[in-house]
């Protein structure tokens, strides 16, 4: 089955409820982050239509945002 959607497979077929996940605007781009126990935000996913955004190291998944 092929789904033509900008959503990830985890968002369509969630395995568990993830209450720490948020979508925020960061430097003009929409990103999905997890809030850690320390109160920091860890980048999970970049949502962008600009291919250059994905080549920027600032938006690498797993990065802790300042």
Protein backbone atom coordinates (compact mmCIF):
# COMPACT_ATOMS: atom_id res chain seq x y z
CA UNK A 1 0.00 0.00 0.00
CA UNK A 2 1.40 3.41 -0.99
CA UNK A 3 0.35 6.48 0.97
CA UNK A 4 1.02 9.83 -0.66
CA UNK A 5 1.34 12.00 2.42
CA UNK A 6 3.90 14.32 4.03
CA UNK A 7 3.39 12.52 7.34
CA UNK A 8 5.84 9.94 8.62
CA UNK A 9 4.91 6.30 9.02
CA UNK A 10 5.00 6.72 12.81
CA UNK A 11 2.44 9.54 12.63
CA UNK A 12 0.06 7.47 10.51
CA UNK A 13 0.54 4.21 12.42
CA UNK A 14 1.53 5.22 15.96
CA UNK A 15 2.97 2.48 18.16
CA UNK A 16 2.55 4.38 21.40
CA UNK A 17 1.33 7.75 22.55
CA UNK A 18 4.21 10.22 22.55
CA UNK A 19 3.22 13.18 24.69
CA UNK A 20 6.68 14.78 24.61
CA UNK A 21 6.58 15.42 20.85
CA UNK A 22 5.84 18.97 19.69
CA UNK A 23 5.86 20.85 16.39
CA UNK A 24 7.52 24.23 16.71
CA UNK A 25 8.86 26.98 14.48
CA UNK A 26 12.65 27.31 14.76
CA UNK A 27 14.54 29.90 12.71
CA UNK A 28 11.62 30.12 10.27
CA UNK A 29 11.34 26.35 9.75
CA UNK A 30 8.83 23.91 11.17
CA UNK A 31 10.43 21.10 13.13
CA UNK A 32 9.26 18.22 15.28
CA UNK A 33 11.00 17.99 18.66
CA UNK A 34 10.96 15.81 21.76
CA UNK A 35 11.16 17.53 25.11
CA UNK A 36 13.78 15.78 27.24
CA UNK A 37 13.69 15.30 31.01
CA UNK A 38 16.19 18.17 31.32
CA UNK A 39 13.73 20.54 29.63
CA UNK A 40 15.79 20.71 26.42
CA UNK A 41 14.43 20.08 22.95
CA UNK A 42 15.84 17.31 20.76
CA UNK A 43 15.22 17.59 17.02
CA UNK A 44 13.26 14.64 15.62
CA UNK A 45 12.23 15.79 12.15
CA UNK A 46 12.52 18.78 9.84
CA UNK A 47 9.42 19.68 7.83
CA UNK A 48 10.48 21.73 4.81
CA UNK A 49 10.04 21.93 1.06
CA UNK A 50 13.49 23.48 0.55
CA UNK A 51 16.12 20.80 -0.22
CA UNK A 52 18.89 23.09 1.08
CA UNK A 53 17.41 22.91 4.59
CA UNK A 54 18.12 19.17 4.73
CA UNK A 55 21.80 19.78 3.90
CA UNK A 56 22.21 22.17 6.83
CA UNK A 57 23.82 20.52 9.88
CA UNK A 58 21.71 22.68 12.21
CA UNK A 59 18.66 20.54 11.38
CA UNK A 60 20.21 17.09 11.87
CA UNK A 61 17.87 14.70 13.75
CA UNK A 62 19.04 14.03 17.29
CA UNK A 63 20.55 17.49 17.73
CA UNK A 64 19.79 19.31 21.00
CA UNK A 65 18.48 22.81 20.29
CA UNK A 66 19.99 25.77 22.15
